Amino acid sequence: MMAEFTTSNLSVLLVENETLTAERIRASLRKMGYTEVAHVTSYTDALARMEQHTPDLLLLDIDLGKGPDGIELARHVQGQHPIPVIFLTQFEFADYEGRLHGVHRKAFLRKNFYVDSLHAALAEAVEQKNPAKAKGSDSLLYTVKDKFFLYNDDQFQRYAAEKLLFIKGAEGYSDLVFEDRLQAVVVSMNLSRVVKKLGYPPLMRAHRSYYVNLNHIEKIIGNMLIVGGQEIPMGPKYREKVLERLRLIQDKRETDKNKGHSV
């Protein structure tokens, strides 16, 4: 039986030639529970370290100073070991895209990354190390606190759950519609699975094809909910449950308001 990988036993090799950046990353990793984190500063040191121990994941700075860079290191290592890589850089993905073909990478993060972005990228690596847990498109979405991340174009895109208006599902795909984005974000995952992965309490089913964020309902007209200026149908079997949740939310707001006045 294969051992299950977790944050505590996933071994990470960080290759970063800037001391302050390396310390910041290692501190972030420790807070997340990653205890097996080794650090080297160059291509040569990384190869020497890997002769002693092969890590589960490489966290590579692309610019390593003089000599071969992080992309060359990844290509060399993956020629011998199928190790996933998370690249770190000060520049844009497009600056390196032409050189990254054939390199198996989990993510591409800017050095001024949000800690949550690193957390999501590493969580994806942990999940993919556990065959029983890896479920294809499920690994495209991760939730961290009140934010979630979608893996797209070799990067984790960060979204605020509170900005989510509604989700529309159809034939194995889901459209996530946000108040601050002109176009829907499409996820190759069915509606129920997306909602389960998000784990965001204000989301409620209003129709077999729709989940709505109760905090963004502007008005109700007949069997239609107005959310972000758009009409969302309410299915007969969901109508009463939606209305009851809205009443509970309103009652709580009134209670909180009265408590504030009594202070």
C-alpha atoms as a PDB file:
ATOM      1  CA  MET A   1       0.000   0.000   0.000  1.00  0.00           C
ATOM      2  CA  MET A   2       1.409   3.381  -0.981  1.00  0.00           C
ATOM      3  CA  ALA A   3       1.972   5.958   1.756  1.00  0.00           C
ATOM      4  CA  GLU A   4      -0.279   9.001   1.611  1.00  0.00           C
ATOM      5  CA  PHE A   5       1.483  12.290   1.010  1.00  0.00           C
ATOM      6  CA  THR A   6       0.603  15.189   3.292  1.00  0.00           C
ATOM      7  CA  THR A   7       2.058  18.618   4.035  1.00  0.00           C
ATOM      8  CA  SER A   8       4.232  17.054   6.731  1.00  0.00           C
ATOM      9  CA  ASN A   9       5.905  14.417   4.575  1.00  0.00           C
ATOM     10  CA  LEU A  10       6.084  16.023   1.127  1.00  0.00           C
ATOM     11  CA  SER A  11       9.768  16.815   0.638  1.00  0.00           C
ATOM     12  CA  VAL A  12      10.525  20.091  -1.130  1.00  0.00           C
ATOM     13  CA  LEU A  13      13.826  21.308  -2.548  1.00  0.00           C
ATOM     14  CA  LEU A  14      13.946  25.100  -2.819  1.00  0.00           C
ATOM     15  CA  VAL A  15      16.547  26.422  -5.274  1.00  0.00           C
ATOM     16  CA  GLU A  16      16.834  30.186  -4.737  1.00  0.00           C
ATOM     17  CA  ASN A  17      19.966  32.335  -4.844  1.00  0.00           C
ATOM     18  CA  GLU A  18      18.496  35.312  -2.936  1.00  0.00           C
ATOM     19  CA  THR A  19      18.834  34.687   0.802  1.00  0.00           C
ATOM     20  CA  LEU A  20      16.028  36.971   1.976  1.00  0.00           C
ATOM     21  CA  THR A  21      13.591  35.568  -0.582  1.00  0.00           C
ATOM     22  CA  ALA A  22      14.523  32.022   0.389  1.00  0.00           C
ATOM     23  CA  GLU A  23      13.965  32.729   4.087  1.00  0.00           C
ATOM     24  CA  ARG A  24      10.568  34.268   3.372  1.00  0.00           C
ATOM     25  CA  ILE A  25       9.512  31.238   1.347  1.00  0.00           C
ATOM     26  CA  ARG A  26      10.787  28.763   3.929  1.00  0.00           C
ATOM     27  CA  ALA A  27       8.980  30.626   6.708  1.00  0.00           C
ATOM     28  CA  SER A  28       5.759  30.508   4.667  1.00  0.00           C
ATOM     29  CA  LEU A  29       6.195  26.786   4.046  1.00  0.00           C
ATOM     30  CA  ARG A  30       6.748  26.092   7.744  1.00  0.00           C
ATOM     31  CA  LYS A  31       3.539  27.935   8.625  1.00  0.00           C
ATOM     32  CA  MET A  32       1.679  25.753   6.131  1.00  0.00           C
ATOM     33  CA  GLY A  33       3.032  22.604   7.794  1.00  0.00           C
ATOM     34  CA  TYR A  34       5.722  21.642   5.276  1.00  0.00           C
ATOM     35  CA  THR A  35       8.577  20.395   7.423  1.00  0.00           C
ATOM     36  CA  GLU A  36      10.820  18.707   4.831  1.00  0.00           C
ATOM     37  CA  VAL A  37      12.204  21.759   3.030  1.00  0.00           C
ATOM     38  CA  ALA A  38      15.843  21.855   1.899  1.00  0.00           C
ATOM     39  CA  HIS A  39      17.448  24.968   0.411  1.00  0.00           C
ATOM     40  CA  VAL A  40      20.327  25.377  -2.037  1.00  0.00           C
ATOM     41  CA  THR A  41      21.398  28.388  -4.059  1.00  0.00           C
ATOM     42  CA  SER A  42      22.669  27.078  -7.418  1.00  0.00           C
ATOM     43  CA  TYR A  43      22.298  24.573 -10.223  1.00  0.00           C
ATOM     44  CA  THR A  44      25.398  22.670  -9.087  1.00  0.00           C
ATOM     45  CA  ASP A  45      24.337  22.553  -5.429  1.00  0.00           C
ATOM     46  CA  ALA A  46      20.870  21.328  -6.438  1.00  0.00           C
ATOM     47  CA  LEU A  47      22.304  18.396  -8.400  1.00  0.00           C
ATOM     48  CA  ALA A  48      24.636  17.524  -5.535  1.00  0.00           C
ATOM     49  CA  ARG A  49      21.763  17.612  -3.069  1.00  0.00           C
ATOM     50  CA  MET A  50      19.636  15.382  -5.276  1.00  0.00           C
ATOM     51  CA  GLU A  51      22.349  12.753  -5.414  1.00  0.00           C
ATOM     52  CA  GLN A  52      21.740  12.360  -1.671  1.00  0.00           C
ATOM     53  CA  HIS A  53      17.935  12.658  -1.699  1.00  0.00           C
ATOM     54  CA  THR A  54      15.355  12.985  -4.463  1.00  0.00           C
ATOM     55  CA  PRO A  55      12.617  15.449  -3.403  1.00  0.00           C
ATOM     56  CA  ASP A  56       8.922  15.129  -4.206  1.00  0.00           C
ATOM     57  CA  LEU A  57       8.791  18.642  -5.612  1.00  0.00           C
ATOM     58  CA  LEU A  58      11.174  21.345  -6.835  1.00  0.00           C
ATOM     59  CA  LEU A  59      10.531  25.004  -6.039  1.00  0.00           C
ATOM     60  CA  LEU A  60      12.828  26.750  -8.510  1.00  0.00           C
ATOM     61  CA  ASP A  61      13.897  30.323  -9.032  1.00  0.00           C
ATOM     62  CA  ILE A  62      14.417  30.716 -12.777  1.00  0.00           C
ATOM     63  CA  ASP A  63      17.250  33.264 -12.474  1.00  0.00           C
ATOM     64  CA  LEU A  64      20.028  31.581 -10.486  1.00  0.00           C
ATOM     65  CA  GLY A  65      22.767  34.053 -11.371  1.00  0.00           C
ATOM     66  CA  LYS A  66      25.784  32.867 -13.354  1.00  0.00           C
ATOM     67  CA  GLY A  67      25.579  29.481 -15.018  1.00  0.00           C
ATOM     68  CA  PRO A  68      22.541  27.345 -15.954  1.00  0.00           C
ATOM     69  CA  ASP A  69      19.174  28.681 -14.810  1.00  0.00           C
ATOM     70  CA  GLY A  70      16.149  27.060 -13.198  1.00  0.00           C
ATOM     71  CA  ILE A  71      14.581  25.988 -16.498  1.00  0.00           C
ATOM     72  CA  GLU A  72      17.749  24.159 -17.494  1.00  0.00           C
ATOM     73  CA  LEU A  73      17.860  22.563 -14.056  1.00  0.00           C
ATOM     74  CA  ALA A  74      14.249  21.376 -14.336  1.00  0.00           C
ATOM     75  CA  ARG A  75      14.842  19.923 -17.794  1.00  0.00           C
ATOM     76  CA  HIS A  76      17.991  18.097 -16.640  1.00  0.00           C
ATOM     77  CA  VAL A  77      16.384  16.688 -13.491  1.00  0.00           C
ATOM     78  CA  GLN A  78      13.179  15.610 -15.210  1.00  0.00           C
ATOM     79  CA  GLY A  79      15.228  13.709 -17.750  1.00  0.00           C
ATOM     80  CA  GLN A  80      16.036  11.354 -14.868  1.00  0.00           C
ATOM     81  CA  HIS A  81      13.170  11.786 -12.384  1.00  0.00           C
ATOM     82  CA  PRO A  82       9.512  12.755 -13.058  1.00  0.00           C
ATOM     83  CA  ILE A  83       9.532  15.506 -10.419  1.00  0.00           C
ATOM     84  CA  PRO A  84       6.945  18.312 -10.631  1.00  0.00           C
ATOM     85  CA  VAL A  85       8.224  21.874 -10.546  1.00  0.00           C
ATOM     86  CA  ILE A  86       6.878  25.192  -9.289  1.00  0.00           C
ATOM     87  CA  PHE A  87       8.796  28.048 -10.899  1.00  0.00           C
ATOM     88  CA  LEU A  88       9.470  31.385  -9.187  1.00  0.00           C
ATOM     89  CA  THR A  89      10.392  34.509 -11.113  1.00  0.00           C
ATOM     90  CA  GLN A  90      10.277  38.293 -11.097  1.00  0.00           C
ATOM     91  CA  PHE A  91       9.025  38.307 -14.680  1.00  0.00           C
ATOM     92  CA  GLU A  92       5.945  37.265 -16.662  1.00  0.00           C
ATOM     93  CA  PHE A  93       5.174  33.737 -17.843  1.00  0.00           C
ATOM     94  CA  ALA A  94       5.203  34.972 -21.458  1.00  0.00           C
ATOM     95  CA  ASP A  95       8.894  35.882 -21.118  1.00  0.00           C
ATOM     96  CA  TYR A  96       9.770  32.194 -20.715  1.00  0.00           C
ATOM     97  CA  GLU A  97       6.938  30.376 -22.475  1.00  0.00           C
ATOM     98  CA  GLY A  98       9.028  29.373 -25.472  1.00  0.00           C
ATOM     99  CA  ARG A  99      11.624  27.672 -23.258  1.00  0.00           C
ATOM    100  CA  LEU A 100       9.164  25.774 -21.059  1.00  0.00           C
ATOM    101  CA  HIS A 101       7.877  23.277 -23.602  1.00  0.00           C
ATOM    102  CA  GLY A 102       8.374  19.744 -22.343  1.00  0.00           C
ATOM    103  CA  VAL A 103       8.977  20.784 -18.733  1.00  0.00           C
ATOM    104  CA  HIS A 104       6.447  19.265 -16.340  1.00  0.00           C
ATOM    105  CA  ARG A 105       5.460  22.179 -14.131  1.00  0.00           C
ATOM    106  CA  LYS A 106       2.711  22.554 -11.541  1.00  0.00           C
ATOM    107  CA  ALA A 107       2.643  26.332 -11.416  1.00  0.00           C
ATOM    108  CA  PHE A 108       4.431  29.533 -12.334  1.00  0.00           C
ATOM    109  CA  LEU A 109       4.482  32.100  -9.515  1.00  0.00           C
ATOM    110  CA  ARG A 110       5.731  35.669  -9.404  1.00  0.00           C
ATOM    111  CA  LYS A 111       8.132  36.302  -6.512  1.00  0.00           C
ATOM    112  CA  ASN A 112       5.703  38.757  -4.986  1.00  0.00           C
ATOM    113  CA  PHE A 113       3.144  35.924  -4.815  1.00  0.00           C
ATOM    114  CA  TYR A 114       0.350  35.742  -2.293  1.00  0.00           C
ATOM    115  CA  VAL A 115       1.155  33.075   0.290  1.00  0.00           C
ATOM    116  CA  ASP A 116      -2.226  31.516  -0.509  1.00  0.00           C
ATOM    117  CA  SER A 117      -1.135  31.060  -4.145  1.00  0.00           C
ATOM    118  CA  LEU A 118       1.875  29.048  -3.026  1.00  0.00           C
ATOM    119  CA  HIS A 119      -0.357  27.071  -0.670  1.00  0.00           C
ATOM    120  CA  ALA A 120      -2.709  26.205  -3.536  1.00  0.00           C
ATOM    121  CA  ALA A 121       0.132  25.165  -5.849  1.00  0.00           C
ATOM    122  CA  LEU A 122       1.628  22.898  -3.209  1.00  0.00           C
ATOM    123  CA  ALA A 123      -1.790  21.457  -2.309  1.00  0.00           C
ATOM    124  CA  GLU A 124      -2.198  20.458  -5.939  1.00  0.00           C
ATOM    125  CA  ALA A 125       1.169  18.708  -5.834  1.00  0.00           C
ATOM    126  CA  VAL A 126       0.191  16.844  -2.644  1.00  0.00           C
ATOM    127  CA  GLU A 127      -3.075  15.704  -4.212  1.00  0.00           C
ATOM    128  CA  GLN A 128      -1.411  14.514  -7.394  1.00  0.00           C
ATOM    129  CA  LYS A 129       1.034  12.468  -5.304  1.00  0.00           C
ATOM    130  CA  ASN A 130      -1.962  10.549  -3.914  1.00  0.00           C
ATOM    131  CA  PRO A 131      -3.417   8.484  -6.789  1.00  0.00           C
ATOM    132  CA  ALA A 132      -6.551   7.633  -4.811  1.00  0.00           C
ATOM    133  CA  LYS A 133      -7.300  11.335  -4.396  1.00  0.00           C
ATOM    134  CA  ALA A 134      -6.304  12.625  -7.822  1.00  0.00           C
ATOM    135  CA  LYS A 135      -9.467  13.175  -9.849  1.00  0.00           C
ATOM    136  CA  GLY A 136      -8.411  14.978 -12.983  1.00  0.00           C
ATOM    137  CA  SER A 137     -10.255  18.261 -13.258  1.00  0.00           C
ATOM    138  CA  ASP A 138     -10.825  18.382  -9.477  1.00  0.00           C
ATOM    139  CA  SER A 139      -7.211  19.435  -9.094  1.00  0.00           C
ATOM    140  CA  LEU A 140      -7.932  22.616 -11.057  1.00  0.00           C
ATOM    141  CA  LEU A 141      -9.650  24.245  -8.090  1.00  0.00           C
ATOM    142  CA  TYR A 142      -8.460  24.823  -4.528  1.00  0.00           C
ATOM    143  CA  THR A 143      -9.975  26.728  -1.641  1.00  0.00           C
ATOM    144  CA  VAL A 144      -7.871  28.575   0.918  1.00  0.00           C
ATOM    145  CA  LYS A 145      -9.820  30.442   3.617  1.00  0.00           C
ATOM    146  CA  ASP A 146     -12.186  32.933   1.935  1.00  0.00           C
ATOM    147  CA  LYS A 147     -10.428  32.724  -1.430  1.00  0.00           C
ATOM    148  CA  PHE A 148     -10.113  30.082  -4.072  1.00  0.00           C
ATOM    149  CA  PHE A 149      -7.706  29.367  -6.884  1.00  0.00           C
ATOM    150  CA  LEU A 150      -8.255  28.064 -10.388  1.00  0.00           C
ATOM    151  CA  TYR A 151      -5.373  26.577 -12.348  1.00  0.00           C
ATOM    152  CA  ASN A 152      -5.225  28.160 -15.787  1.00  0.00           C
ATOM    153  CA  ASP A 153      -2.393  28.776 -18.260  1.00  0.00           C
ATOM    154  CA  ASP A 154       0.159  27.208 -15.893  1.00  0.00           C
ATOM    155  CA  GLN A 155      -0.778  29.625 -13.127  1.00  0.00           C
ATOM    156  CA  PHE A 156      -3.148  29.676 -10.183  1.00  0.00           C
ATOM    157  CA  GLN A 157      -5.586  32.546 -10.610  1.00  0.00           C
ATOM    158  CA  ARG A 158      -6.850  34.012  -7.333  1.00  0.00           C
ATOM    159  CA  TYR A 159     -10.536  34.839  -6.800  1.00  0.00           C
ATOM    160  CA  ALA A 160     -12.487  36.243  -3.864  1.00  0.00           C
ATOM    161  CA  ALA A 161     -15.469  34.062  -2.949  1.00  0.00           C
ATOM    162  CA  GLU A 162     -17.459  37.094  -1.825  1.00  0.00           C
ATOM    163  CA  LYS A 163     -17.344  38.465  -5.398  1.00  0.00           C
ATOM    164  CA  LEU A 164     -18.990  35.343  -6.816  1.00  0.00           C
ATOM    165  CA  LEU A 165     -22.558  36.084  -7.992  1.00  0.00           C
ATOM    166  CA  PHE A 166     -23.744  32.696  -9.204  1.00  0.00           C
ATOM    167  CA  ILE A 167     -22.665  29.458 -10.858  1.00  0.00           C
ATOM    168  CA  LYS A 168     -24.368  27.965 -13.885  1.00  0.00           C
ATOM    169  CA  GLY A 169     -23.815  24.313 -14.726  1.00  0.00           C
ATOM    170  CA  ALA A 170     -24.233  22.493 -18.050  1.00  0.00           C
ATOM    171  CA  GLU A 171     -22.961  19.134 -19.365  1.00  0.00           C
ATOM    172  CA  GLY A 172     -19.985  18.688 -17.066  1.00  0.00           C
ATOM    173  CA  TYR A 173     -18.933  22.336 -17.160  1.00  0.00           C
ATOM    174  CA  SER A 174     -19.636  25.211 -14.810  1.00  0.00           C
ATOM    175  CA  ASP A 175     -19.625  28.962 -15.464  1.00  0.00           C
ATOM    176  CA  LEU A 176     -18.609  31.068 -12.462  1.00  0.00           C
ATOM    177  CA  VAL A 177     -19.922  34.626 -12.752  1.00  0.00           C
ATOM    178  CA  PHE A 178     -18.318  37.402 -10.692  1.00  0.00           C
ATOM    179  CA  GLU A 179     -19.393  40.969 -10.012  1.00  0.00           C
ATOM    180  CA  ASP A 180     -15.946  42.317 -10.905  1.00  0.00           C
ATOM    181  CA  ARG A 181     -15.332  40.345 -14.126  1.00  0.00           C
ATOM    182  CA  LEU A 182     -16.919  40.865 -17.534  1.00  0.00           C
ATOM    183  CA  GLN A 183     -16.656  37.235 -18.615  1.00  0.00           C
ATOM    184  CA  ALA A 184     -17.601  34.053 -16.781  1.00  0.00           C
ATOM    185  CA  VAL A 185     -14.813  31.747 -15.602  1.00  0.00           C
ATOM    186  CA  VAL A 186     -15.367  28.280 -17.084  1.00  0.00           C
ATOM    187  CA  VAL A 187     -14.405  25.183 -15.084  1.00  0.00           C
ATOM    188  CA  SER A 188     -14.463  21.641 -16.500  1.00  0.00           C
ATOM    189  CA  MET A 189     -16.284  20.267 -13.485  1.00  0.00           C
ATOM    190  CA  ASN A 190     -19.983  19.652 -12.854  1.00  0.00           C
ATOM    191  CA  LEU A 191     -22.032  22.072 -10.783  1.00  0.00           C
ATOM    192  CA  SER A 192     -22.373  19.999  -7.618  1.00  0.00           C
ATOM    193  CA  ARG A 193     -18.668  19.173  -7.546  1.00  0.00           C
ATOM    194  CA  VAL A 194     -17.653  22.833  -7.928  1.00  0.00           C
ATOM    195  CA  VAL A 195     -19.913  23.886  -5.054  1.00  0.00           C
ATOM    196  CA  LYS A 196     -18.592  21.086  -2.853  1.00  0.00           C
ATOM    197  CA  LYS A 197     -14.993  22.026  -3.604  1.00  0.00           C
ATOM    198  CA  LEU A 198     -15.662  25.701  -2.868  1.00  0.00           C
ATOM    199  CA  GLY A 199     -17.356  24.986   0.456  1.00  0.00           C
ATOM    200  CA  TYR A 200     -18.762  28.529   0.533  1.00  0.00           C
ATOM    201  CA  PRO A 201     -21.870  28.704   2.826  1.00  0.00           C
ATOM    202  CA  PRO A 202     -23.718  31.587   1.064  1.00  0.00           C
ATOM    203  CA  LEU A 203     -24.017  29.492  -2.116  1.00  0.00           C
ATOM    204  CA  MET A 204     -27.440  27.855  -2.426  1.00  0.00           C
ATOM    205  CA  ARG A 205     -29.133  25.901  -5.153  1.00  0.00           C
ATOM    206  CA  ALA A 206     -31.978  27.846  -6.750  1.00  0.00           C
ATOM    207  CA  HIS A 207     -32.468  25.691  -9.847  1.00  0.00           C
ATOM    208  CA  ARG A 208     -31.088  22.403 -11.151  1.00  0.00           C
ATOM    209  CA  SER A 209     -28.650  24.445 -13.263  1.00  0.00           C
ATOM    210  CA  TYR A 210     -27.887  27.304 -10.856  1.00  0.00           C
ATOM    211  CA  TYR A 211     -26.341  28.025  -7.471  1.00  0.00           C
ATOM    212  CA  VAL A 212     -26.605  31.637  -6.306  1.00  0.00           C
ATOM    213  CA  ASN A 213     -24.714  33.659  -3.729  1.00  0.00           C
ATOM    214  CA  LEU A 214     -27.487  34.645  -1.301  1.00  0.00           C
ATOM    215  CA  ASN A 215     -25.583  37.797  -0.343  1.00  0.00           C
ATOM    216  CA  HIS A 216     -25.958  39.158  -3.878  1.00  0.00           C
ATOM    217  CA  ILE A 217     -29.696  38.677  -4.426  1.00  0.00           C
ATOM    218  CA  GLU A 218     -31.072  42.122  -5.242  1.00  0.00           C
ATOM    219  CA  LYS A 219     -34.766  41.293  -5.585  1.00  0.00           C
ATOM    220  CA  ILE A 220     -37.259  38.533  -6.307  1.00  0.00           C
ATOM    221  CA  ILE A 221     -39.763  38.854  -9.137  1.00  0.00           C
ATOM    222  CA  GLY A 222     -42.138  35.907  -9.279  1.00  0.00           C
ATOM    223  CA  ASN A 223     -39.956  32.866  -9.833  1.00  0.00           C
ATOM    224  CA  MET A 224     -36.943  34.920 -10.808  1.00  0.00           C
ATOM    225  CA  LEU A 225     -34.020  36.029  -8.659  1.00  0.00           C
ATOM    226  CA  ILE A 226     -32.191  39.176  -9.727  1.00  0.00           C
ATOM    227  CA  VAL A 227     -28.482  38.659  -9.059  1.00  0.00           C
ATOM    228  CA  GLY A 228     -25.954  41.147 -10.364  1.00  0.00           C
ATOM    229  CA  GLY A 229     -28.601  42.532 -12.676  1.00  0.00           C
ATOM    230  CA  GLN A 230     -29.241  39.117 -14.241  1.00  0.00           C
ATOM    231  CA  GLU A 231     -32.361  36.965 -13.986  1.00  0.00           C
ATOM    232  CA  ILE A 232     -31.838  33.547 -12.403  1.00  0.00           C
ATOM    233  CA  PRO A 233     -34.795  31.119 -12.455  1.00  0.00           C
ATOM    234  CA  MET A 234     -35.965  29.502  -9.218  1.00  0.00           C
ATOM    235  CA  GLY A 235     -37.059  25.901  -9.618  1.00  0.00           C
ATOM    236  CA  PRO A 236     -40.297  24.950  -7.792  1.00  0.00           C
ATOM    237  CA  LYS A 237     -38.513  22.394  -5.577  1.00  0.00           C
ATOM    238  CA  TYR A 238     -35.918  24.970  -4.450  1.00  0.00           C
ATOM    239  CA  ARG A 239     -38.071  28.094  -4.084  1.00  0.00           C
ATOM    240  CA  GLU A 240     -39.199  27.618  -0.465  1.00  0.00           C
ATOM    241  CA  LYS A 241     -35.724  26.667   0.746  1.00  0.00           C
ATOM    242  CA  VAL A 242     -34.226  29.766  -0.868  1.00  0.00           C
ATOM    243  CA  LEU A 243     -36.889  32.028   0.615  1.00  0.00           C
ATOM    244  CA  GLU A 244     -36.415  30.477   4.053  1.00  0.00           C
ATOM    245  CA  ARG A 245     -32.647  31.045   3.937  1.00  0.00           C
ATOM    246  CA  LEU A 246     -33.204  34.648   2.894  1.00  0.00           C
ATOM    247  CA  ARG A 247     -35.612  35.151   5.817  1.00  0.00           C
ATOM    248  CA  LEU A 248     -33.031  33.749   8.231  1.00  0.00           C
ATOM    249  CA  ILE A 249     -30.352  36.059   6.823  1.00  0.00           C
ATOM    250  CA  GLN A 250     -32.676  39.053   7.161  1.00  0.00           C
ATOM    251  CA  ASP A 251     -33.594  38.082  10.743  1.00  0.00           C
ATOM    252  CA  LYS A 252     -29.905  37.814  11.664  1.00  0.00           C
ATOM    253  CA  ARG A 253     -29.178  41.215  10.147  1.00  0.00           C
ATOM    254  CA  GLU A 254     -32.026  42.762  12.121  1.00  0.00           C
ATOM    255  CA  THR A 255     -30.807  41.109  15.334  1.00  0.00           C
ATOM    256  CA  ASP A 256     -27.255  42.316  14.773  1.00  0.00           C
ATOM    257  CA  LYS A 257     -28.530  45.809  13.987  1.00  0.00           C
ATOM    258  CA  ASN A 258     -30.583  45.940  17.198  1.00  0.00           C
ATOM    259  CA  LYS A 259     -27.602  44.742  19.257  1.00  0.00           C
ATOM    260  CA  GLY A 260     -25.536  47.553  17.796  1.00  0.00           C
ATOM    261  CA  HIS A 261     -28.135  50.144  18.769  1.00  0.00           C
ATOM    262  CA  SER A 262     -28.375  48.812  22.326  1.00  0.00           C
ATOM    263  CA  VAL A 263     -24.668  49.213  23.037  1.00  0.00           C
END
